[in-house]
Amino acid sequence: MNTTTVNRDPLYVAILKNVITVVLSLAIIYINGTLVHTFRKHQVFNTNSRYILYIHLVINDIITLSMMILLQVLSYIIYTLNVSFCIIMLILVTCACLNNPLTLAAMSLECYLAICFPLRHPQICTVRKTYIVITVIWVLSLLTILPDLFIIIATRPAEYFHSRVFCLWTNIVTDTILEKKKDVSNILFLVIVFLILFYAYLRILFTAQAASVTAKKARNTVLLHGFQLLLCMLHYIHNISIEGLSMLFPKDTLAIRYVIALFIQIMPRLISPMVYGIRDKMFREHLKRYLLPLNPAVHPKKVQKRKI
């Protein structure tokens, strides 16, 4: 039976950490959930490829935060989890994290096509083709994980999947070859996405020199996508950061793991609502109806009924 020795925080520290993480994550999930609700309720958004890709990015953030909250709370309550359950959770989190850079690349290409090929853009970026792109993104993400899962299933006895382990990917995948394969695939993903962003930015930049307001806005959006990509890259230095700092401060390993998870895994999720939820005028106007339900300027009819 597989067992894992885990250092534990004092009760008051564990409660404080979980309260901070859960409250912050739920606040971000609420904002993102409002964005998804706004998207679903208005046809002007769910028939636009740009907003479809954006909501896919937001949904991935919701999945990541939800799984992280569940994993953290369970790790503090029962410490070790069933291996099979842990694998399912980690696959969901890993796929959602891998989806984000690919979605950013698709969004940048959509901006490039809208600015540089405005006449062909409606024929190229249809709703059907957008959902096909999203399907391809999920398939590519799964293809980087499923080989590892098949190898684990083939090399581990059946009893292993009924044992308990502290739920970290490094505790599930212990083969150094698989770890190197994961690093190579992550680097390949990031390099391809970076090249796409760089190409789209340069093409839009040349178009923006014609003083087009729309082109300049698209250029700024691609720059913001580049910043989001940098935040995605922080995910890949997560384990390295923990190992390096833990060697320098061995007595503070738990605090280091928590702080790095907070700043690398949770805080960057605040950026996605800013891309269209705040910057985009049309989305912002519709979003106010749900985030500010008692605002008289937003709901004049409801306020008028109350006065009557």
Protein backbone atom coordinates (compact mmCIF):
# COMPACT_ATOMS: atom_id res chain seq x y z
CA MET A 1 0.00 0.00 0.00
CA ASN A 2 1.35 3.41 -0.99
CA THR A 3 1.66 5.91 1.87
CA THR A 4 2.97 9.42 1.92
CA THR A 5 4.42 11.32 4.86
CA VAL A 6 3.07 14.85 4.95
CA ASN A 7 4.03 17.72 7.21
CA ARG A 8 0.99 19.44 8.69
CA ASP A 9 0.27 23.02 9.66
CA PRO A 10 -1.08 23.87 13.11
CA LEU A 11 -4.89 23.99 13.16
CA TYR A 12 -5.17 27.79 13.27
CA VAL A 13 -2.69 28.19 10.38
CA ALA A 14 -4.54 25.59 8.31
CA ILE A 15 -7.87 27.36 8.91
CA LEU A 16 -6.39 30.77 8.03
CA LYS A 17 -4.82 29.49 4.80
CA ASN A 18 -8.01 27.78 3.69
CA VAL A 19 -10.19 30.80 4.48
CA ILE A 20 -7.93 33.11 2.43
CA THR A 21 -7.73 30.71 -0.50
CA VAL A 22 -11.41 29.79 -0.54
CA VAL A 23 -12.70 33.37 -0.16
CA LEU A 24 -10.37 34.75 -2.85
CA SER A 25 -11.05 31.88 -5.24
CA LEU A 26 -14.83 32.03 -4.74
CA ALA A 27 -14.75 35.78 -5.43
CA ILE A 28 -12.94 35.17 -8.74
CA ILE A 29 -15.25 32.25 -9.58
CA TYR A 30 -18.28 34.47 -8.89
CA ILE A 31 -16.99 37.18 -11.24
CA ASN A 32 -16.13 34.62 -13.91
CA GLY A 33 -19.49 32.89 -13.41
CA THR A 34 -21.22 36.23 -13.97
CA LEU A 35 -19.26 36.62 -17.20
CA VAL A 36 -20.40 33.17 -18.36
CA HIS A 37 -24.02 33.99 -17.43
CA THR A 38 -23.83 37.29 -19.34
CA PHE A 39 -22.41 35.43 -22.34
CA ARG A 40 -25.21 32.83 -22.31
CA LYS A 41 -28.01 35.36 -21.98
CA HIS A 42 -27.10 37.56 -24.93
CA GLN A 43 -26.97 36.34 -28.52
CA VAL A 44 -24.63 39.17 -29.49
CA PHE A 45 -21.92 37.34 -27.52
CA ASN A 46 -22.61 33.64 -28.10
CA THR A 47 -22.66 34.14 -31.88
CA ASN A 48 -19.30 35.95 -31.89
CA SER A 49 -16.14 33.83 -32.18
CA ARG A 50 -14.10 36.34 -30.16
CA TYR A 51 -16.38 36.12 -27.13
CA ILE A 52 -16.74 32.34 -27.45
CA LEU A 53 -12.96 31.93 -27.17
CA TYR A 54 -12.85 34.39 -24.29
CA ILE A 55 -15.53 32.50 -22.34
CA HIS A 56 -13.64 29.27 -22.98
CA LEU A 57 -10.65 30.92 -21.28
CA VAL A 58 -12.87 31.98 -18.36
CA ILE A 59 -14.38 28.49 -17.99
CA ASN A 60 -10.90 26.98 -17.83
CA ASP A 61 -10.07 29.42 -15.02
CA ILE A 62 -13.23 28.35 -13.17
CA ILE A 63 -12.29 24.67 -13.54
CA THR A 64 -8.74 25.32 -12.33
CA LEU A 65 -9.81 27.34 -9.28
CA SER A 66 -12.60 24.89 -8.36
CA MET A 67 -10.28 21.90 -8.49
CA MET A 68 -7.57 23.75 -6.58
CA ILE A 69 -9.98 24.72 -3.79
CA LEU A 70 -11.22 21.14 -3.52
CA LEU A 71 -7.70 19.68 -3.53
CA GLN A 72 -6.40 22.14 -0.94
CA VAL A 73 -9.33 21.75 1.45
CA LEU A 74 -9.25 17.96 1.16
CA SER A 75 -5.47 17.89 1.68
CA TYR A 76 -5.91 19.76 4.98
CA ILE A 77 -8.91 17.70 6.13
CA ILE A 78 -7.96 14.14 5.17
CA TYR A 79 -4.36 14.79 3.96
CA THR A 80 -4.16 11.87 1.52
CA LEU A 81 -6.60 10.96 -1.25
CA ASN A 82 -7.48 7.85 -3.19
CA VAL A 83 -5.05 7.57 -6.12
CA SER A 84 -7.77 7.10 -8.77
CA PHE A 85 -9.70 10.14 -7.52
CA CYS A 86 -6.48 12.16 -7.35
CA ILE A 87 -5.57 11.28 -10.95
CA ILE A 88 -8.97 12.43 -12.25
CA MET A 89 -8.66 15.74 -10.39
CA LEU A 90 -5.10 16.34 -11.61
CA ILE A 91 -6.03 15.57 -15.23
CA LEU A 92 -8.81 18.19 -15.10
CA VAL A 93 -6.49 20.82 -13.59
CA THR A 94 -3.65 20.06 -16.00
CA CYS A 95 -5.93 20.17 -19.06
CA ALA A 96 -7.41 23.50 -17.97
CA CYS A 97 -3.93 24.96 -17.47
CA LEU A 98 -2.71 23.69 -20.85
CA ASN A 99 -5.84 24.98 -22.58
CA ASN A 100 -5.18 28.59 -21.61
CA PRO A 101 -2.04 29.24 -23.71
CA LEU A 102 -3.64 27.56 -26.74
CA THR A 103 -6.82 29.60 -26.30
CA LEU A 104 -4.74 32.79 -26.09
CA ALA A 105 -3.11 31.84 -29.39
CA ALA A 106 -6.52 31.29 -31.00
CA MET A 107 -7.77 34.65 -29.67
CA SER A 108 -4.71 36.44 -31.06
CA LEU A 109 -5.20 34.85 -34.47
CA GLU A 110 -8.86 35.93 -34.40
CA CYS A 111 -7.76 39.54 -33.71
CA TYR A 112 -5.21 39.30 -36.54
CA LEU A 113 -7.84 38.06 -39.01
CA ALA A 114 -10.36 40.72 -37.92
CA ILE A 115 -7.87 43.56 -38.49
CA CYS A 116 -5.82 42.34 -41.44
CA PHE A 117 -8.56 40.47 -43.33
CA PRO A 118 -11.82 42.21 -42.34
CA LEU A 119 -13.73 41.04 -45.42
CA ARG A 120 -12.80 37.37 -44.99
CA HIS A 121 -13.06 37.36 -41.20
CA PRO A 122 -16.82 36.52 -41.03
CA GLN A 123 -16.32 33.53 -43.36
CA ILE A 124 -13.26 32.23 -41.52
CA CYS A 125 -14.26 32.83 -37.88
CA THR A 126 -17.70 31.25 -37.79
CA VAL A 127 -19.30 29.85 -34.62
CA ARG A 128 -18.98 26.26 -35.88
CA LYS A 129 -15.28 26.65 -36.69
CA THR A 130 -14.68 28.29 -33.31
CA TYR A 131 -16.11 25.28 -31.46
CA ILE A 132 -13.99 23.00 -33.66
CA VAL A 133 -10.92 24.99 -32.55
CA ILE A 134 -11.96 24.58 -28.90
CA THR A 135 -12.35 20.82 -29.43
CA VAL A 136 -8.87 20.64 -30.99
CA ILE A 137 -7.46 22.55 -27.99
CA TRP A 138 -8.90 19.98 -25.57
CA VAL A 139 -7.65 17.09 -27.70
CA LEU A 140 -4.10 18.52 -27.78
CA SER A 141 -4.13 19.01 -24.01
CA LEU A 142 -5.36 15.48 -23.39
CA LEU A 143 -2.75 14.04 -25.76
CA THR A 144 0.00 15.42 -23.52
CA ILE A 145 -1.47 13.73 -20.42
CA LEU A 146 -3.05 10.46 -21.57
CA PRO A 147 0.27 8.75 -22.54
CA ASP A 148 1.46 9.27 -18.95
CA LEU A 149 -1.81 7.84 -17.64
CA PHE A 150 -1.59 4.77 -19.91
CA ILE A 151 1.99 4.10 -18.77
CA ILE A 152 0.95 4.38 -15.11
CA ILE A 153 -1.96 1.98 -15.68
CA ALA A 154 0.33 -0.49 -17.49
CA THR A 155 3.17 -0.41 -14.96
CA ARG A 156 1.38 -0.15 -11.61
CA PRO A 157 -0.50 -3.00 -9.90
CA ALA A 158 -4.26 -2.73 -9.45
CA GLU A 159 -3.83 -2.27 -5.69
CA TYR A 160 -1.96 0.99 -6.29
CA PHE A 161 -5.11 2.71 -7.58
CA HIS A 162 -6.92 1.84 -4.33
CA SER A 163 -4.13 3.22 -2.15
CA ARG A 164 -3.86 6.74 -0.80
CA VAL A 165 -1.34 9.47 -1.65
CA PHE A 166 -0.81 13.16 -1.04
CA CYS A 167 -2.34 14.52 -4.25
CA LEU A 168 0.53 15.97 -6.28
CA TRP A 169 1.40 15.06 -9.87
CA THR A 170 4.99 14.35 -8.81
CA ASN A 171 3.70 11.71 -6.37
CA ILE A 172 1.73 10.01 -9.16
CA VAL A 173 4.28 10.24 -11.98
CA THR A 174 7.63 9.19 -10.51
CA ASP A 175 9.35 8.19 -13.78
CA THR A 176 12.04 10.76 -14.69
CA ILE A 177 11.50 10.12 -18.42
CA LEU A 178 7.83 11.09 -18.11
CA GLU A 179 8.82 14.22 -16.20
CA LYS A 180 11.22 15.22 -18.99
CA LYS A 181 8.53 14.51 -21.60
CA LYS A 182 6.16 16.79 -19.70
CA ASP A 183 8.76 19.58 -19.59
CA VAL A 184 9.45 19.25 -23.33
CA SER A 185 5.75 19.35 -24.23
CA ASN A 186 5.19 22.39 -22.00
CA ILE A 187 8.11 24.25 -23.59
CA LEU A 188 6.87 23.30 -27.08
CA PHE A 189 3.38 24.62 -26.29
CA LEU A 190 4.73 27.91 -24.96
CA VAL A 191 7.16 28.47 -27.86
CA ILE A 192 4.44 27.86 -30.46
CA VAL A 193 2.01 30.18 -28.66
CA PHE A 194 4.68 32.86 -28.24
CA LEU A 195 5.51 32.78 -31.97
CA ILE A 196 1.81 33.07 -32.86
CA LEU A 197 1.37 36.03 -30.50
CA PHE A 198 4.52 37.71 -31.81
CA TYR A 199 3.47 37.27 -35.45
CA ALA A 200 -0.08 38.52 -34.78
CA TYR A 201 1.23 41.53 -32.87
CA LEU A 202 3.64 42.56 -35.64
CA ARG A 203 1.01 42.27 -38.36
CA ILE A 204 -1.52 44.24 -36.30
CA LEU A 205 1.18 46.79 -35.43
CA PHE A 206 1.82 47.54 -39.11
CA THR A 207 -1.91 47.88 -39.68
CA ALA A 208 -2.25 50.17 -36.65
CA GLN A 209 0.17 52.64 -38.22
CA ALA A 210 -2.71 53.69 -40.45
CA ALA A 211 -4.20 55.30 -37.30
CA SER A 212 -7.12 52.92 -37.15
CA VAL A 213 -8.66 53.00 -33.66
CA THR A 214 -9.84 49.40 -34.00
CA ALA A 215 -6.37 48.22 -35.03
CA LYS A 216 -4.74 50.00 -32.11
CA LYS A 217 -7.23 48.45 -29.70
CA ALA A 218 -6.52 45.01 -31.19
CA ARG A 219 -2.78 45.63 -30.80
CA ASN A 220 -3.29 46.41 -27.10
CA THR A 221 -5.44 43.29 -26.73
CA VAL A 222 -2.69 41.09 -28.20
CA LEU A 223 -0.21 42.72 -25.81
CA LEU A 224 -2.52 41.81 -22.95
CA HIS A 225 -2.66 38.24 -24.28
CA GLY A 226 1.14 38.24 -24.17
CA PHE A 227 1.02 39.29 -20.51
CA GLN A 228 -1.47 36.49 -19.85
CA LEU A 229 0.93 34.08 -21.54
CA LEU A 230 3.70 35.19 -19.16
CA LEU A 231 1.37 34.43 -16.26
CA CYS A 232 0.68 30.99 -17.78
CA MET A 233 4.44 30.41 -17.94
CA LEU A 234 4.64 30.92 -14.17
CA HIS A 235 2.71 27.66 -13.84
CA TYR A 236 5.65 25.79 -15.36
CA ILE A 237 8.14 27.15 -12.81
CA HIS A 238 5.82 26.26 -9.94
CA ASN A 239 7.67 23.10 -8.86
CA ILE A 240 11.12 24.57 -9.53
CA SER A 241 10.30 27.60 -7.37
CA ILE A 242 9.10 25.41 -4.51
CA GLU A 243 12.15 23.15 -4.66
CA GLY A 244 14.61 26.05 -4.84
CA LEU A 245 13.09 28.06 -2.01
CA SER A 246 12.58 24.94 0.12
CA MET A 247 16.32 24.23 -0.11
CA LEU A 248 17.04 27.77 1.14
CA PHE A 249 14.35 27.71 3.83
CA PRO A 250 13.73 24.04 4.70
CA LYS A 251 11.67 24.88 7.80
CA ASP A 252 9.19 26.96 5.80
CA THR A 253 8.29 24.46 3.07
CA LEU A 254 4.55 24.55 3.80
CA ALA A 255 4.44 28.35 3.80
CA ILE A 256 6.47 28.48 0.57
CA ARG A 257 4.16 25.98 -1.15
CA TYR A 258 1.10 27.97 -0.08
CA VAL A 259 2.38 31.43 -1.08
CA ILE A 260 3.62 30.24 -4.48
CA ALA A 261 0.29 28.51 -5.17
CA LEU A 262 -1.53 31.72 -4.20
CA PHE A 263 0.50 33.99 -6.50
CA ILE A 264 1.05 31.60 -9.40
CA GLN A 265 -2.18 29.60 -9.52
CA ILE A 266 -4.85 31.93 -8.12
CA MET A 267 -3.95 35.61 -8.53
CA PRO A 268 -3.35 35.42 -12.34
CA ARG A 269 -6.98 34.29 -12.72
CA LEU A 270 -7.98 37.88 -11.95
CA ILE A 271 -6.58 38.96 -15.33
CA SER A 272 -9.11 37.11 -17.51
CA PRO A 273 -12.16 39.13 -16.35
CA MET A 274 -10.26 42.31 -17.24
CA VAL A 275 -9.73 41.38 -20.89
CA TYR A 276 -13.33 41.78 -22.06
CA GLY A 277 -15.32 42.00 -18.84
CA ILE A 278 -13.89 45.46 -18.06
CA ARG A 279 -12.09 46.67 -21.23
CA ASP A 280 -14.81 45.75 -23.73
CA LYS A 281 -17.53 48.43 -23.71
CA MET A 282 -20.36 46.20 -24.93
CA PHE A 283 -19.57 43.39 -22.48
CA ARG A 284 -19.13 45.89 -19.65
CA GLU A 285 -22.57 47.43 -20.22
CA HIS A 286 -24.29 44.03 -20.13
CA LEU A 287 -22.20 42.87 -17.17
CA LYS A 288 -23.35 45.79 -14.99
CA ARG A 289 -26.88 44.39 -15.04
CA TYR A 290 -25.74 41.35 -13.08
CA LEU A 291 -22.92 42.72 -10.92
CA LEU A 292 -24.88 45.86 -9.95
CA PRO A 293 -28.51 44.68 -9.83
CA LEU A 294 -29.67 47.58 -7.61
CA ASN A 295 -28.11 50.33 -9.69
CA PRO A 296 -30.97 52.71 -10.79
CA ALA A 297 -29.12 53.55 -14.01
CA VAL A 298 -29.03 49.89 -14.94
CA HIS A 299 -32.52 48.84 -13.88
CA PRO A 300 -34.74 51.92 -14.20
CA LYS A 301 -37.92 49.87 -14.54
CA LYS A 302 -37.39 48.02 -11.27
CA VAL A 303 -36.69 51.26 -9.41
CA GLN A 304 -39.78 52.90 -10.90
CA LYS A 305 -42.01 50.05 -9.70
CA ARG A 306 -40.67 50.41 -6.17
CA LYS A 307 -41.50 54.14 -6.14
CA ILE A 308 -45.03 53.40 -7.27
